[in-house]
């Protein structure tokens, strides 16, 4: 891509120092910055294989820059419920499972396009 740190920092709306720290693995991008990085690059440089529902939910949140609280609000559940799903402590009831599955299937469709 042949961009300077300055050009990249402007594109990603972060400071030059942030780019420097990312390059040296001193800090990781925040959850809110990840969607912008994926959009800029055209792919997910942090892509991770997901084996279970909890990992899929966590990955969905990461890709979309959502906190557990924001996803919980979207699904109309408590954030501790989302945390429990991610930790694989319990399973959503049938109604919620259908909503989560629908959300994740849309996510899978988007993932295949990249």
N, C-alpha and C. Protein backbone atom coordinates (compact mmCIF):
# COMPACT_ATOMS: atom_id res chain seq x y z
N UNK A 1 0.81 -1.20 0.00
CA UNK A 1 0.00 0.00 0.00
C UNK A 1 0.86 1.26 0.00
N UNK A 2 2.09 1.16 0.39
CA UNK A 2 3.02 2.28 0.31
C UNK A 2 2.46 3.57 0.91
N UNK A 3 1.96 3.50 2.13
CA UNK A 3 1.47 4.68 2.83
C UNK A 3 2.44 5.06 3.94
N UNK A 4 2.53 6.33 4.20
CA UNK A 4 3.31 6.76 5.37
C UNK A 4 2.47 6.54 6.62
N UNK A 5 3.11 6.56 7.76
CA UNK A 5 2.37 6.46 9.03
C UNK A 5 1.33 7.57 9.13
N UNK A 6 1.69 8.73 8.67
CA UNK A 6 0.78 9.88 8.72
C UNK A 6 -0.47 9.62 7.87
N UNK A 7 -0.26 9.15 6.65
CA UNK A 7 -1.40 8.86 5.76
C UNK A 7 -2.30 7.79 6.36
N UNK A 8 -1.68 6.76 6.90
CA UNK A 8 -2.44 5.68 7.51
C UNK A 8 -3.20 6.17 8.74
N UNK A 9 -2.54 6.97 9.55
CA UNK A 9 -3.21 7.48 10.76
C UNK A 9 -4.41 8.35 10.39
N UNK A 10 -4.30 9.11 9.32
CA UNK A 10 -5.43 9.93 8.87
C UNK A 10 -6.56 9.04 8.39
N UNK A 11 -6.23 8.01 7.60
CA UNK A 11 -7.26 7.08 7.10
C UNK A 11 -8.00 6.37 8.23
N UNK A 12 -7.26 6.02 9.28
CA UNK A 12 -7.86 5.25 10.38
C UNK A 12 -8.31 6.14 11.54
N UNK A 13 -8.08 7.44 11.41
CA UNK A 13 -8.48 8.40 12.43
C UNK A 13 -7.84 8.10 13.79
N UNK A 14 -6.54 7.83 13.76
CA UNK A 14 -5.75 7.61 14.97
C UNK A 14 -4.48 8.46 14.87
N UNK A 15 -3.73 8.52 15.93
CA UNK A 15 -2.50 9.30 15.91
C UNK A 15 -1.36 8.51 15.26
N UNK A 16 -0.33 9.24 14.85
CA UNK A 16 0.87 8.61 14.30
C UNK A 16 1.51 7.68 15.33
N UNK A 17 1.46 8.10 16.58
CA UNK A 17 2.03 7.29 17.67
C UNK A 17 1.29 5.96 17.80
N UNK A 18 -0.02 6.00 17.63
CA UNK A 18 -0.81 4.76 17.69
C UNK A 18 -0.35 3.78 16.63
N UNK A 19 -0.14 4.25 15.41
CA UNK A 19 0.35 3.39 14.33
C UNK A 19 1.71 2.81 14.71
N UNK A 20 2.58 3.65 15.22
CA UNK A 20 3.91 3.20 15.65
C UNK A 20 3.80 2.10 16.70
N UNK A 21 2.93 2.28 17.68
CA UNK A 21 2.77 1.29 18.75
C UNK A 21 2.16 -0.01 18.24
N UNK A 22 1.23 0.08 17.28
CA UNK A 22 0.66 -1.12 16.68
C UNK A 22 1.73 -1.90 15.94
N UNK A 23 2.55 -1.19 15.17
CA UNK A 23 3.60 -1.85 14.38
C UNK A 23 4.59 -2.61 15.27
N UNK A 24 4.80 -2.13 16.45
CA UNK A 24 5.75 -2.75 17.36
C UNK A 24 5.09 -3.65 18.41
N UNK A 25 3.80 -3.93 18.20
CA UNK A 25 3.03 -4.78 19.11
C UNK A 25 3.10 -4.31 20.56
N UNK A 26 3.17 -3.01 20.75
CA UNK A 26 3.17 -2.45 22.11
C UNK A 26 1.73 -2.34 22.63
N UNK A 27 0.80 -2.08 21.72
CA UNK A 27 -0.62 -2.02 22.06
C UNK A 27 -1.40 -2.67 20.92
N UNK A 28 -2.60 -3.09 21.23
CA UNK A 28 -3.50 -3.65 20.23
C UNK A 28 -4.58 -2.62 19.91
N UNK A 29 -5.13 -2.66 18.72
CA UNK A 29 -6.23 -1.74 18.41
C UNK A 29 -7.40 -1.98 19.36
N UNK A 30 -8.10 -0.92 19.67
CA UNK A 30 -9.28 -1.04 20.53
C UNK A 30 -10.41 -1.70 19.75
N UNK A 31 -11.39 -2.17 20.47
CA UNK A 31 -12.55 -2.82 19.85
C UNK A 31 -13.22 -1.88 18.85
N UNK A 32 -13.29 -0.61 19.18
CA UNK A 32 -13.94 0.36 18.30
C UNK A 32 -13.13 0.60 17.02
N UNK A 33 -11.83 0.38 17.02
CA UNK A 33 -10.99 0.63 15.85
C UNK A 33 -10.96 -0.54 14.87
N UNK A 34 -11.27 -1.73 15.32
CA UNK A 34 -11.15 -2.92 14.48
C UNK A 34 -12.01 -2.87 13.21
N UNK A 35 -13.29 -2.48 13.29
CA UNK A 35 -14.08 -2.43 12.04
C UNK A 35 -13.46 -1.49 10.99
N UNK A 36 -12.93 -0.37 11.43
CA UNK A 36 -12.32 0.58 10.51
C UNK A 36 -11.07 -0.02 9.86
N UNK A 37 -10.27 -0.75 10.64
CA UNK A 37 -9.07 -1.40 10.11
C UNK A 37 -9.46 -2.45 9.07
N UNK A 38 -10.48 -3.25 9.38
CA UNK A 38 -10.94 -4.29 8.44
C UNK A 38 -11.45 -3.65 7.16
N UNK A 39 -12.21 -2.57 7.30
CA UNK A 39 -12.73 -1.87 6.12
C UNK A 39 -11.59 -1.32 5.28
N UNK A 40 -10.62 -0.71 5.92
CA UNK A 40 -9.49 -0.13 5.20
C UNK A 40 -8.67 -1.19 4.46
N UNK A 41 -8.38 -2.30 5.14
CA UNK A 41 -7.56 -3.35 4.53
C UNK A 41 -8.33 -4.23 3.54
N UNK A 42 -9.65 -4.31 3.74
CA UNK A 42 -10.46 -5.18 2.89
C UNK A 42 -10.48 -6.62 3.36
N UNK A 43 -9.87 -6.89 4.53
CA UNK A 43 -9.90 -8.21 5.14
C UNK A 43 -9.59 -8.06 6.63
N UNK A 44 -9.80 -9.12 7.35
CA UNK A 44 -9.57 -9.11 8.80
C UNK A 44 -8.18 -9.66 9.12
N UNK A 45 -7.25 -8.81 9.52
CA UNK A 45 -5.91 -9.30 9.82
C UNK A 45 -5.83 -10.07 11.14
N UNK A 46 -6.90 -10.01 11.92
CA UNK A 46 -6.94 -10.67 13.22
C UNK A 46 -7.84 -11.90 13.21
N UNK A 47 -8.21 -12.36 12.03
CA UNK A 47 -9.18 -13.45 11.89
C UNK A 47 -8.82 -14.65 12.75
N UNK A 48 -9.85 -15.21 13.37
CA UNK A 48 -9.67 -16.33 14.27
C UNK A 48 -10.71 -17.40 13.97
N UNK A 49 -10.30 -18.66 14.01
CA UNK A 49 -11.24 -19.76 13.83
C UNK A 49 -12.15 -19.83 15.06
N UNK A 50 -13.41 -20.09 14.83
CA UNK A 50 -14.36 -20.22 15.93
C UNK A 50 -14.93 -21.62 15.94
N UNK A 51 -14.93 -22.21 17.13
CA UNK A 51 -15.39 -23.59 17.26
C UNK A 51 -16.75 -23.73 17.91
N UNK A 52 -17.15 -22.74 18.68
CA UNK A 52 -18.43 -22.88 19.39
C UNK A 52 -19.20 -21.57 19.36
N UNK A 53 -20.40 -21.59 19.84
CA UNK A 53 -21.27 -20.43 19.81
C UNK A 53 -20.65 -19.25 20.55
N UNK A 54 -20.06 -19.49 21.70
CA UNK A 54 -19.45 -18.41 22.47
C UNK A 54 -18.36 -17.69 21.69
N UNK A 55 -17.51 -18.46 21.02
CA UNK A 55 -16.44 -17.86 20.21
C UNK A 55 -17.01 -17.12 19.01
N UNK A 56 -18.07 -17.65 18.43
CA UNK A 56 -18.70 -16.98 17.28
C UNK A 56 -19.30 -15.64 17.71
N UNK A 57 -19.92 -15.61 18.86
CA UNK A 57 -20.50 -14.36 19.37
C UNK A 57 -19.38 -13.36 19.65
N UNK A 58 -18.33 -13.79 20.30
CA UNK A 58 -17.20 -12.90 20.61
C UNK A 58 -16.58 -12.36 19.33
N UNK A 59 -16.42 -13.23 18.33
CA UNK A 59 -15.83 -12.82 17.06
C UNK A 59 -16.74 -11.83 16.33
N UNK A 60 -18.04 -12.08 16.37
CA UNK A 60 -19.00 -11.15 15.76
C UNK A 60 -18.87 -9.78 16.40
N UNK A 61 -18.81 -9.76 17.72
CA UNK A 61 -18.69 -8.47 18.42
C UNK A 61 -17.41 -7.75 18.02
N UNK A 62 -16.31 -8.49 17.96
CA UNK A 62 -15.02 -7.90 17.62
C UNK A 62 -15.04 -7.29 16.22
N UNK A 63 -15.53 -8.06 15.26
CA UNK A 63 -15.57 -7.60 13.88
C UNK A 63 -16.41 -6.34 13.73
N UNK A 64 -17.48 -6.27 14.52
CA UNK A 64 -18.40 -5.14 14.42
C UNK A 64 -18.14 -4.05 15.45
N UNK A 65 -17.09 -4.24 16.26
CA UNK A 65 -16.73 -3.21 17.24
C UNK A 65 -17.75 -3.04 18.34
N UNK A 66 -18.42 -4.12 18.71
CA UNK A 66 -19.48 -4.05 19.73
C UNK A 66 -18.99 -4.55 21.08
N UNK A 67 -19.38 -3.87 22.11
CA UNK A 67 -19.16 -4.37 23.47
C UNK A 67 -20.25 -5.38 23.78
N UNK A 68 -20.06 -6.13 24.85
CA UNK A 68 -21.11 -7.05 25.27
C UNK A 68 -22.39 -6.27 25.58
N UNK A 69 -22.22 -5.11 26.15
CA UNK A 69 -23.37 -4.28 26.52
C UNK A 69 -24.16 -3.86 25.28
N UNK A 70 -23.46 -3.44 24.21
CA UNK A 70 -24.15 -3.00 22.99
C UNK A 70 -24.85 -4.17 22.30
N UNK A 71 -24.19 -5.33 22.24
CA UNK A 71 -24.83 -6.49 21.63
C UNK A 71 -26.04 -6.92 22.46
N UNK A 72 -25.88 -6.90 23.78
CA UNK A 72 -26.99 -7.27 24.65
C UNK A 72 -28.19 -6.35 24.43
N UNK A 73 -27.92 -5.07 24.30
CA UNK A 73 -29.02 -4.12 24.06
C UNK A 73 -29.71 -4.44 22.74
N UNK A 74 -28.92 -4.74 21.72
CA UNK A 74 -29.48 -5.10 20.40
C UNK A 74 -30.36 -6.35 20.49
N UNK A 75 -29.92 -7.32 21.29
CA UNK A 75 -30.67 -8.58 21.43
C UNK A 75 -31.73 -8.51 22.52
N UNK A 76 -31.77 -7.36 23.22
CA UNK A 76 -32.72 -7.15 24.31
C UNK A 76 -32.55 -8.15 25.44
N UNK A 77 -31.27 -8.34 25.83
CA UNK A 77 -30.93 -9.18 26.96
C UNK A 77 -29.94 -8.40 27.83
N UNK A 78 -29.65 -8.93 29.01
CA UNK A 78 -28.68 -8.32 29.90
C UNK A 78 -27.27 -8.65 29.40
N UNK A 79 -26.32 -7.75 29.65
CA UNK A 79 -24.96 -8.00 29.18
C UNK A 79 -24.33 -9.21 29.86
N UNK A 80 -24.77 -9.56 31.06
CA UNK A 80 -24.24 -10.76 31.72
C UNK A 80 -24.69 -12.02 30.98
N UNK A 81 -25.82 -11.91 30.29
CA UNK A 81 -26.30 -13.04 29.48
C UNK A 81 -25.35 -13.28 28.32
N UNK A 82 -24.97 -12.22 27.64
CA UNK A 82 -24.01 -12.34 26.52
C UNK A 82 -22.68 -12.88 27.05
N UNK A 83 -22.24 -12.37 28.18
CA UNK A 83 -20.98 -12.85 28.78
C UNK A 83 -21.06 -14.34 29.08
N UNK A 84 -22.19 -14.80 29.59
CA UNK A 84 -22.37 -16.22 29.89
C UNK A 84 -22.34 -17.08 28.65
N UNK A 85 -22.92 -16.60 27.57
CA UNK A 85 -22.88 -17.34 26.30
C UNK A 85 -21.44 -17.44 25.81
N UNK A 86 -20.73 -16.32 25.88
CA UNK A 86 -19.35 -16.31 25.39
C UNK A 86 -18.45 -17.23 26.20
N UNK A 87 -18.69 -17.32 27.49
CA UNK A 87 -17.89 -18.18 28.35
C UNK A 87 -18.35 -19.63 28.30
N UNK A 88 -19.44 -19.84 27.55
CA UNK A 88 -19.99 -21.18 27.39
C UNK A 88 -20.55 -21.71 28.72
N UNK A 89 -21.00 -20.79 29.56
CA UNK A 89 -21.56 -21.16 30.85
C UNK A 89 -23.00 -21.66 30.71
N UNK A 90 -23.70 -21.11 29.75
CA UNK A 90 -25.06 -21.56 29.46
C UNK A 90 -25.42 -21.22 28.03
N UNK A 91 -26.54 -21.74 27.61
CA UNK A 91 -27.01 -21.69 26.24
C UNK A 91 -28.24 -20.79 26.17
N UNK A 92 -28.42 -20.03 25.08
CA UNK A 92 -29.63 -19.22 24.96
C UNK A 92 -30.88 -20.10 24.84
N UNK A 93 -31.99 -19.58 25.35
CA UNK A 93 -33.24 -20.33 25.17
C UNK A 93 -33.59 -20.35 23.68
N UNK A 94 -34.60 -21.10 23.32
CA UNK A 94 -34.91 -21.33 21.91
C UNK A 94 -35.14 -20.02 21.15
N UNK A 95 -35.92 -19.13 21.73
CA UNK A 95 -36.23 -17.86 21.07
C UNK A 95 -34.95 -17.04 20.85
N UNK A 96 -34.13 -16.94 21.87
CA UNK A 96 -32.88 -16.17 21.76
C UNK A 96 -31.88 -16.87 20.85
N UNK A 97 -31.85 -18.19 20.91
CA UNK A 97 -30.94 -18.93 20.04
C UNK A 97 -31.25 -18.64 18.57
N UNK A 98 -32.53 -18.56 18.23
CA UNK A 98 -32.93 -18.26 16.85
C UNK A 98 -32.46 -16.86 16.45
N UNK A 99 -32.60 -15.90 17.36
CA UNK A 99 -32.17 -14.53 17.07
C UNK A 99 -30.65 -14.45 16.91
N UNK A 100 -29.93 -15.12 17.81
CA UNK A 100 -28.46 -15.13 17.74
C UNK A 100 -28.01 -15.84 16.48
N UNK A 101 -28.64 -16.97 16.17
CA UNK A 101 -28.28 -17.72 14.96
C UNK A 101 -28.50 -16.89 13.71
N UNK A 102 -29.61 -16.16 13.68
CA UNK A 102 -29.90 -15.31 12.53
C UNK A 102 -28.83 -14.22 12.42
N UNK A 103 -28.47 -13.63 13.52
CA UNK A 103 -27.43 -12.61 13.53
C UNK A 103 -26.11 -13.18 13.03
N UNK A 104 -25.74 -14.35 13.52
CA UNK A 104 -24.48 -14.97 13.13
C UNK A 104 -24.50 -15.48 11.70
N UNK A 105 -25.65 -15.90 11.20
CA UNK A 105 -25.71 -16.36 9.81
C UNK A 105 -25.54 -15.18 8.87
N UNK A 106 -26.04 -14.02 9.23
CA UNK A 106 -25.79 -12.82 8.43
C UNK A 106 -24.31 -12.49 8.46
N UNK A 107 -23.69 -12.68 9.62
CA UNK A 107 -22.27 -12.44 9.82
C UNK A 107 -21.46 -13.40 8.94
N UNK A 108 -21.87 -14.66 8.89
CA UNK A 108 -21.16 -15.66 8.08
C UNK A 108 -21.24 -15.28 6.60
N UNK A 109 -22.39 -14.75 6.19
CA UNK A 109 -22.54 -14.33 4.80
C UNK A 109 -21.58 -13.19 4.48
N UNK A 110 -21.49 -12.23 5.37
CA UNK A 110 -20.57 -11.09 5.19
C UNK A 110 -19.14 -11.58 5.16
N UNK A 111 -18.79 -12.51 6.04
CA UNK A 111 -17.43 -13.04 6.09
C UNK A 111 -17.04 -13.69 4.76
N UNK A 112 -17.95 -14.41 4.14
CA UNK A 112 -17.64 -15.12 2.89
C UNK A 112 -17.37 -14.16 1.74
N UNK A 113 -17.92 -12.94 1.83
CA UNK A 113 -17.73 -11.96 0.78
C UNK A 113 -16.30 -11.42 0.78
N UNK A 114 -15.61 -11.47 1.91
CA UNK A 114 -14.24 -10.90 1.97
C UNK A 114 -13.23 -11.86 1.43
